[in-house]
Amino acid sequence: CRSSPQVGSDGRPMTVAALPPEEQPEAAPVQLPPNLRRQEVSFATKEPAGTIVVDTSNTYLYYILGGGRAVRYGVRVGRDGFTWTGVQKISRKAEWPDWYPPTEMIERQPYLPRFMAGGPGNPLGARAMYLGSTVYRIHGTNQPSTIGKFVSSGCIGMLNEDVSDLFDRVKVGTRVVVMPGGPPPGTATASAAPPPSGSVAAAPAQAQA
């Protein structure tokens, strides 16, 4: 993995400090509740084996094995106003992808870096699967505590080890079905507001709010 400091467009080293609170890497290991850990489960669906089904309202992603079975992963999904539904196909796969925040995200959060090289600390984590021509991806996260929460701008986030497992199972062209459903009323969603200047150290705590 790349350990050299990442350099911004102005030539100065870029750090994860520039990332929004919901993307600040967590240092401490997080133990997910049992229901959000990767496991094989019974799952009735008409979708063929090899399909990905995202159950947004329950924060699960299923990889269909066939025969009424699926691998279920806990995921984080879009916060209120950023959930979406529909059918896409995986258009591209990338290992340790570089991150270019989409224009829409920069308009909402102008303090974001315009580019971040792939590697530990990158918001896309270890793997990314790009969905059609949309700005949405299934990708890893360096914030395990956000799994099971409605915090993203529409992307589907997974533990790095889970996204690596899924990455090895799927291919470009894999069908992805995102089921309707958003956060239940009153669900805590992470704030997208930029951290106040000078309080970068407090940013991870904000993500837990």
C-alpha atoms as a PDB file:
ATOM      1  CA  CYS A   1       0.000   0.000   0.000  1.00  0.00           C
ATOM      2  CA  ARG A   2       1.085   3.546  -0.591  1.00  0.00           C
ATOM      3  CA  SER A   3       2.525   5.215   2.453  1.00  0.00           C
ATOM      4  CA  SER A   4       3.952   8.352   0.830  1.00  0.00           C
ATOM      5  CA  PRO A   5       2.010  11.488   1.759  1.00  0.00           C
ATOM      6  CA  GLN A   6      -0.704  12.316  -0.746  1.00  0.00           C
ATOM      7  CA  VAL A   7      -0.193  15.671  -2.423  1.00  0.00           C
ATOM      8  CA  GLY A   8      -3.009  18.044  -3.303  1.00  0.00           C
ATOM      9  CA  SER A   9      -3.297  20.046  -6.521  1.00  0.00           C
ATOM     10  CA  ASP A  10      -1.480  22.922  -4.806  1.00  0.00           C
ATOM     11  CA  GLY A  11       1.533  20.668  -4.153  1.00  0.00           C
ATOM     12  CA  ARG A  12       0.956  20.527  -0.403  1.00  0.00           C
ATOM     13  CA  PRO A  13       0.544  17.149   1.334  1.00  0.00           C
ATOM     14  CA  MET A  14      -3.102  16.171   1.611  1.00  0.00           C
ATOM     15  CA  THR A  15      -4.334  14.535   4.767  1.00  0.00           C
ATOM     16  CA  VAL A  16      -7.528  12.834   5.799  1.00  0.00           C
ATOM     17  CA  ALA A  17      -8.206  15.939   7.900  1.00  0.00           C
ATOM     18  CA  ALA A  18      -9.833  17.454   4.824  1.00  0.00           C
ATOM     19  CA  LEU A  19     -12.438  14.690   4.701  1.00  0.00           C
ATOM     20  CA  PRO A  20     -15.996  15.160   5.973  1.00  0.00           C
ATOM     21  CA  PRO A  21     -16.816  13.744   9.426  1.00  0.00           C
ATOM     22  CA  GLU A  22     -18.520  10.635   8.050  1.00  0.00           C
ATOM     23  CA  GLU A  23     -15.317   9.719   6.178  1.00  0.00           C
ATOM     24  CA  GLN A  24     -12.714  10.241   8.923  1.00  0.00           C
ATOM     25  CA  PRO A  25     -10.933   6.890   9.415  1.00  0.00           C
ATOM     26  CA  GLU A  26     -11.493   5.205  12.764  1.00  0.00           C
ATOM     27  CA  ALA A  27      -8.483   4.031  14.703  1.00  0.00           C
ATOM     28  CA  ALA A  28     -10.229   1.699  17.143  1.00  0.00           C
ATOM     29  CA  PRO A  29     -11.604  -1.644  15.940  1.00  0.00           C
ATOM     30  CA  VAL A  30     -15.404  -1.875  15.949  1.00  0.00           C
ATOM     31  CA  GLN A  31     -17.346  -5.030  16.721  1.00  0.00           C
ATOM     32  CA  LEU A  32     -20.456  -5.102  14.540  1.00  0.00           C
ATOM     33  CA  PRO A  33     -23.704  -6.476  15.969  1.00  0.00           C
ATOM     34  CA  PRO A  34     -24.250 -10.108  14.876  1.00  0.00           C
ATOM     35  CA  ASN A  35     -26.968  -9.230  12.340  1.00  0.00           C
ATOM     36  CA  LEU A  36     -24.607  -6.926  10.409  1.00  0.00           C
ATOM     37  CA  ARG A  37     -21.780  -9.447  10.107  1.00  0.00           C
ATOM     38  CA  ARG A  38     -21.261 -11.345   6.852  1.00  0.00           C
ATOM     39  CA  GLN A  39     -23.210 -14.612   6.877  1.00  0.00           C
ATOM     40  CA  GLU A  40     -25.050 -17.031   4.614  1.00  0.00           C
ATOM     41  CA  VAL A  41     -28.829 -16.792   5.078  1.00  0.00           C
ATOM     42  CA  SER A  42     -32.097 -18.026   3.594  1.00  0.00           C
ATOM     43  CA  PHE A  43     -33.402 -15.429   1.157  1.00  0.00           C
ATOM     44  CA  ALA A  44     -36.457 -15.864  -1.059  1.00  0.00           C
ATOM     45  CA  THR A  45     -36.118 -13.927  -4.305  1.00  0.00           C
ATOM     46  CA  LYS A  46     -36.955 -14.247  -7.981  1.00  0.00           C
ATOM     47  CA  GLU A  47     -33.550 -12.761  -8.856  1.00  0.00           C
ATOM     48  CA  PRO A  48     -31.079 -15.237 -10.396  1.00  0.00           C
ATOM     49  CA  ALA A  49     -27.871 -16.347  -8.703  1.00  0.00           C
ATOM     50  CA  GLY A  50     -25.111 -13.783  -9.036  1.00  0.00           C
ATOM     51  CA  THR A  51     -27.427 -10.792  -8.520  1.00  0.00           C
ATOM     52  CA  ILE A  52     -26.838  -8.183  -5.812  1.00  0.00           C
ATOM     53  CA  VAL A  53     -29.931  -7.023  -3.917  1.00  0.00           C
ATOM     54  CA  VAL A  54     -29.678  -4.009  -1.603  1.00  0.00           C
ATOM     55  CA  ASP A  55     -32.324  -3.816   1.148  1.00  0.00           C
ATOM     56  CA  THR A  56     -31.927  -0.127   1.934  1.00  0.00           C
ATOM     57  CA  SER A  57     -34.404   0.129   4.799  1.00  0.00           C
ATOM     58  CA  ASN A  58     -32.743  -2.758   6.700  1.00  0.00           C
ATOM     59  CA  THR A  59     -29.158  -1.811   5.680  1.00  0.00           C
ATOM     60  CA  TYR A  60     -28.410  -5.215   4.176  1.00  0.00           C
ATOM     61  CA  LEU A  61     -26.780  -6.189   0.889  1.00  0.00           C
ATOM     62  CA  TYR A  62     -27.461  -9.688  -0.422  1.00  0.00           C
ATOM     63  CA  TYR A  63     -25.377 -11.603  -2.950  1.00  0.00           C
ATOM     64  CA  ILE A  64     -27.731 -14.232  -4.369  1.00  0.00           C
ATOM     65  CA  LEU A  65     -26.284 -17.750  -4.345  1.00  0.00           C
ATOM     66  CA  GLY A  66     -29.380 -19.497  -5.720  1.00  0.00           C
ATOM     67  CA  GLY A  67     -31.511 -22.215  -4.151  1.00  0.00           C
ATOM     68  CA  GLY A  68     -33.069 -19.752  -1.726  1.00  0.00           C
ATOM     69  CA  ARG A  69     -29.689 -18.821  -0.208  1.00  0.00           C
ATOM     70  CA  ALA A  70     -27.682 -15.618  -0.178  1.00  0.00           C
ATOM     71  CA  VAL A  71     -24.647 -14.072   1.482  1.00  0.00           C
ATOM     72  CA  ARG A  72     -25.853 -11.135   3.573  1.00  0.00           C
ATOM     73  CA  TYR A  73     -23.624  -8.188   4.432  1.00  0.00           C
ATOM     74  CA  GLY A  74     -24.330  -5.245   6.693  1.00  0.00           C
ATOM     75  CA  VAL A  75     -23.978  -1.939   4.816  1.00  0.00           C
ATOM     76  CA  ARG A  76     -24.353   1.778   5.321  1.00  0.00           C
ATOM     77  CA  VAL A  77     -26.694   3.582   2.957  1.00  0.00           C
ATOM     78  CA  GLY A  78     -27.841   7.044   1.933  1.00  0.00           C
ATOM     79  CA  ARG A  79     -29.112   9.396   4.585  1.00  0.00           C
ATOM     80  CA  ASP A  80     -32.574  10.923   4.359  1.00  0.00           C
ATOM     81  CA  GLY A  81     -32.941  12.566   0.954  1.00  0.00           C
ATOM     82  CA  PHE A  82     -30.070  10.563  -0.563  1.00  0.00           C
ATOM     83  CA  THR A  83     -31.654   7.127  -0.825  1.00  0.00           C
ATOM     84  CA  TRP A  84     -32.464   5.813  -4.298  1.00  0.00           C
ATOM     85  CA  THR A  85     -34.003   2.762  -5.890  1.00  0.00           C
ATOM     86  CA  GLY A  86     -33.731   0.995  -9.195  1.00  0.00           C
ATOM     87  CA  VAL A  87     -31.710  -1.516 -11.180  1.00  0.00           C
ATOM     88  CA  GLN A  88     -28.132  -0.888 -12.283  1.00  0.00           C
ATOM     89  CA  LYS A  89     -25.241  -2.982 -13.520  1.00  0.00           C
ATOM     90  CA  ILE A  90     -21.677  -2.920 -12.231  1.00  0.00           C
ATOM     91  CA  SER A  91     -19.906  -0.887 -14.901  1.00  0.00           C
ATOM     92  CA  ARG A  92     -16.399  -0.925 -13.414  1.00  0.00           C
ATOM     93  CA  LYS A  93     -14.436  -2.540 -10.588  1.00  0.00           C
ATOM     94  CA  ALA A  94     -11.382  -1.003  -8.920  1.00  0.00           C
ATOM     95  CA  GLU A  95      -8.948  -2.110  -6.193  1.00  0.00           C
ATOM     96  CA  TRP A  96      -7.797   0.631  -3.808  1.00  0.00           C
ATOM     97  CA  PRO A  97      -9.541   3.192  -6.035  1.00  0.00           C
ATOM     98  CA  ASP A  98      -8.620   6.860  -6.273  1.00  0.00           C
ATOM     99  CA  TRP A  99     -11.384   9.166  -5.066  1.00  0.00           C
ATOM    100  CA  TYR A 100     -12.715  12.085  -7.088  1.00  0.00           C
ATOM    101  CA  PRO A 101     -15.689  13.531  -5.181  1.00  0.00           C
ATOM    102  CA  PRO A 102     -18.563  14.061  -7.646  1.00  0.00           C
ATOM    103  CA  THR A 103     -19.477  17.639  -8.569  1.00  0.00           C
ATOM    104  CA  GLU A 104     -22.750  17.372  -6.648  1.00  0.00           C
ATOM    105  CA  MET A 105     -20.877  16.489  -3.461  1.00  0.00           C
ATOM    106  CA  ILE A 106     -18.366  19.333  -3.910  1.00  0.00           C
ATOM    107  CA  GLU A 107     -21.245  21.776  -4.386  1.00  0.00           C
ATOM    108  CA  ARG A 108     -22.651  20.693  -1.012  1.00  0.00           C
ATOM    109  CA  GLN A 109     -19.258  20.382   0.693  1.00  0.00           C
ATOM    110  CA  PRO A 110     -16.858  22.807  -1.068  1.00  0.00           C
ATOM    111  CA  TYR A 111     -14.071  22.126   1.447  1.00  0.00           C
ATOM    112  CA  LEU A 112     -13.595  18.567   0.129  1.00  0.00           C
ATOM    113  CA  PRO A 113     -10.377  17.607  -1.631  1.00  0.00           C
ATOM    114  CA  ARG A 114     -10.819  17.305  -5.402  1.00  0.00           C
ATOM    115  CA  PHE A 115      -8.737  14.144  -5.559  1.00  0.00           C
ATOM    116  CA  MET A 116      -7.380  11.577  -3.119  1.00  0.00           C
ATOM    117  CA  ALA A 117      -5.081   8.737  -4.140  1.00  0.00           C
ATOM    118  CA  GLY A 118      -6.137   5.190  -3.352  1.00  0.00           C
ATOM    119  CA  GLY A 119      -4.884   3.551  -0.194  1.00  0.00           C
ATOM    120  CA  PRO A 120      -5.662   3.290   3.515  1.00  0.00           C
ATOM    121  CA  GLY A 121      -7.568   6.392   4.619  1.00  0.00           C
ATOM    122  CA  ASN A 122      -9.217   6.867   1.222  1.00  0.00           C
ATOM    123  CA  PRO A 123     -13.021   7.173   1.617  1.00  0.00           C
ATOM    124  CA  LEU A 124     -13.649   4.442  -0.969  1.00  0.00           C
ATOM    125  CA  GLY A 125     -11.727   1.903   1.082  1.00  0.00           C
ATOM    126  CA  ALA A 126     -10.210  -1.258  -0.355  1.00  0.00           C
ATOM    127  CA  ARG A 127     -12.543  -1.842  -3.313  1.00  0.00           C
ATOM    128  CA  ALA A 128     -15.181  -0.021  -5.353  1.00  0.00           C
ATOM    129  CA  MET A 129     -17.833  -1.263  -7.761  1.00  0.00           C
ATOM    130  CA  TYR A 130     -19.263   1.518  -9.902  1.00  0.00           C
ATOM    131  CA  LEU A 131     -22.986   1.367 -10.724  1.00  0.00           C
ATOM    132  CA  GLY A 132     -23.885   2.131 -14.332  1.00  0.00           C
ATOM    133  CA  SER A 133     -23.201   5.745 -15.286  1.00  0.00           C
ATOM    134  CA  THR A 134     -24.440   7.040 -11.900  1.00  0.00           C
ATOM    135  CA  VAL A 135     -22.310   8.710  -9.214  1.00  0.00           C
ATOM    136  CA  TYR A 136     -23.160   5.772  -6.915  1.00  0.00           C
ATOM    137  CA  ARG A 137     -20.797   2.983  -5.933  1.00  0.00           C
ATOM    138  CA  ILE A 138     -20.606  -0.007  -3.650  1.00  0.00           C
ATOM    139  CA  HIS A 139     -17.337   0.599  -1.816  1.00  0.00           C
ATOM    140  CA  GLY A 140     -15.349  -0.032   1.333  1.00  0.00           C
ATOM    141  CA  THR A 141     -15.236   2.291   4.321  1.00  0.00           C
ATOM    142  CA  ASN A 142     -12.684   3.155   6.973  1.00  0.00           C
ATOM    143  CA  GLN A 143     -15.538   3.859   9.404  1.00  0.00           C
ATOM    144  CA  PRO A 144     -16.852   0.471  10.552  1.00  0.00           C
ATOM    145  CA  SER A 145     -19.136   2.129  13.111  1.00  0.00           C
ATOM    146  CA  THR A 146     -21.235   3.613  10.272  1.00  0.00           C
ATOM    147  CA  ILE A 147     -22.313   0.159   9.036  1.00  0.00           C
ATOM    148  CA  GLY A 148     -26.055  -0.165   9.626  1.00  0.00           C
ATOM    149  CA  LYS A 149     -26.561   3.609   9.511  1.00  0.00           C
ATOM    150  CA  PHE A 150     -28.076   6.059   7.030  1.00  0.00           C
ATOM    151  CA  VAL A 151     -25.125   8.397   6.524  1.00  0.00           C
ATOM    152  CA  SER A 152     -23.868   8.437   2.942  1.00  0.00           C
ATOM    153  CA  SER A 153     -24.653  10.598  -0.071  1.00  0.00           C
ATOM    154  CA  GLY A 154     -26.251   7.579  -1.731  1.00  0.00           C
ATOM    155  CA  CYS A 155     -23.306   5.202  -2.014  1.00  0.00           C
ATOM    156  CA  ILE A 156     -23.476   1.772  -0.378  1.00  0.00           C
ATOM    157  CA  GLY A 157     -20.624   1.340   2.100  1.00  0.00           C
ATOM    158  CA  MET A 158     -19.245  -1.968   3.399  1.00  0.00           C
ATOM    159  CA  LEU A 159     -16.475  -3.125   5.703  1.00  0.00           C
ATOM    160  CA  ASN A 160     -13.226  -3.375   3.727  1.00  0.00           C
ATOM    161  CA  GLU A 161     -13.046  -7.138   4.282  1.00  0.00           C
ATOM    162  CA  ASP A 162     -16.686  -7.513   3.179  1.00  0.00           C
ATOM    163  CA  VAL A 163     -16.338  -5.376   0.065  1.00  0.00           C
ATOM    164  CA  SER A 164     -13.226  -7.385  -0.861  1.00  0.00           C
ATOM    165  CA  ASP A 165     -15.223 -10.614  -0.454  1.00  0.00           C
ATOM    166  CA  LEU A 166     -18.063  -9.292  -2.639  1.00  0.00           C
ATOM    167  CA  PHE A 167     -15.589  -7.857  -5.173  1.00  0.00           C
ATOM    168  CA  ASP A 168     -14.143 -11.334  -5.732  1.00  0.00           C
ATOM    169  CA  ARG A 169     -17.621 -12.803  -6.332  1.00  0.00           C
ATOM    170  CA  VAL A 170     -18.984 -10.313  -8.860  1.00  0.00           C
ATOM    171  CA  LYS A 171     -17.997  -9.262 -12.363  1.00  0.00           C
ATOM    172  CA  VAL A 172     -18.566  -6.229 -14.552  1.00  0.00           C
ATOM    173  CA  GLY A 173     -22.159  -6.495 -15.767  1.00  0.00           C
ATOM    174  CA  THR A 174     -23.494  -7.956 -12.498  1.00  0.00           C
ATOM    175  CA  ARG A 175     -27.097  -6.851 -11.929  1.00  0.00           C
ATOM    176  CA  VAL A 176     -27.686  -4.693  -8.842  1.00  0.00           C
ATOM    177  CA  VAL A 177     -31.242  -4.244  -7.541  1.00  0.00           C
ATOM    178  CA  VAL A 178     -31.744  -1.476  -4.975  1.00  0.00           C
ATOM    179  CA  MET A 179     -35.062  -1.953  -3.194  1.00  0.00           C
ATOM    180  CA  PRO A 180     -37.217   1.010  -2.135  1.00  0.00           C
ATOM    181  CA  GLY A 181     -37.050   2.197   1.426  1.00  0.00           C
ATOM    182  CA  GLY A 182     -35.332   4.903   3.367  1.00  0.00           C
ATOM    183  CA  PRO A 183     -34.460   5.515   7.002  1.00  0.00           C
ATOM    184  CA  PRO A 184     -37.351   5.010   9.403  1.00  0.00           C
ATOM    185  CA  PRO A 185     -38.705   8.302  10.811  1.00  0.00           C
ATOM    186  CA  GLY A 186     -36.535   9.616  13.610  1.00  0.00           C
ATOM    187  CA  THR A 187     -33.449   7.660  12.539  1.00  0.00           C
ATOM    188  CA  ALA A 188     -30.210   9.432  13.444  1.00  0.00           C
ATOM    189  CA  THR A 189     -28.359  10.381  10.277  1.00  0.00           C
ATOM    190  CA  ALA A 190     -24.881  11.865  10.220  1.00  0.00           C
ATOM    191  CA  SER A 191     -24.546  15.568   9.614  1.00  0.00           C
ATOM    192  CA  ALA A 192     -23.078  16.653   6.315  1.00  0.00           C
ATOM    193  CA  ALA A 193     -22.012  20.015   7.702  1.00  0.00           C
ATOM    194  CA  PRO A 194     -18.290  20.803   7.507  1.00  0.00           C
ATOM    195  CA  PRO A 195     -16.403  20.719  10.797  1.00  0.00           C
ATOM    196  CA  PRO A 196     -15.792  24.179  12.237  1.00  0.00           C
ATOM    197  CA  SER A 197     -12.340  25.438  11.320  1.00  0.00           C
ATOM    198  CA  GLY A 198      -9.670  24.378  13.763  1.00  0.00           C
ATOM    199  CA  SER A 199     -11.636  21.458  15.185  1.00  0.00           C
ATOM    200  CA  VAL A 200     -10.506  18.706  12.857  1.00  0.00           C
ATOM    201  CA  ALA A 201      -9.701  16.508  15.845  1.00  0.00           C
ATOM    202  CA  ALA A 202     -13.358  16.654  16.871  1.00  0.00           C
ATOM    203  CA  ALA A 203     -14.616  15.551  13.456  1.00  0.00           C
ATOM    204  CA  PRO A 204     -14.840  11.793  14.189  1.00  0.00           C
ATOM    205  CA  ALA A 205     -17.007  12.524  17.206  1.00  0.00           C
ATOM    206  CA  GLN A 206     -19.401  14.513  15.030  1.00  0.00           C
ATOM    207  CA  ALA A 207     -19.920  11.509  12.816  1.00  0.00           C
ATOM    208  CA  GLN A 208     -21.331   9.631  15.783  1.00  0.00           C
ATOM    209  CA  ALA A 209     -23.899  12.323  16.517  1.00  0.00           C
END
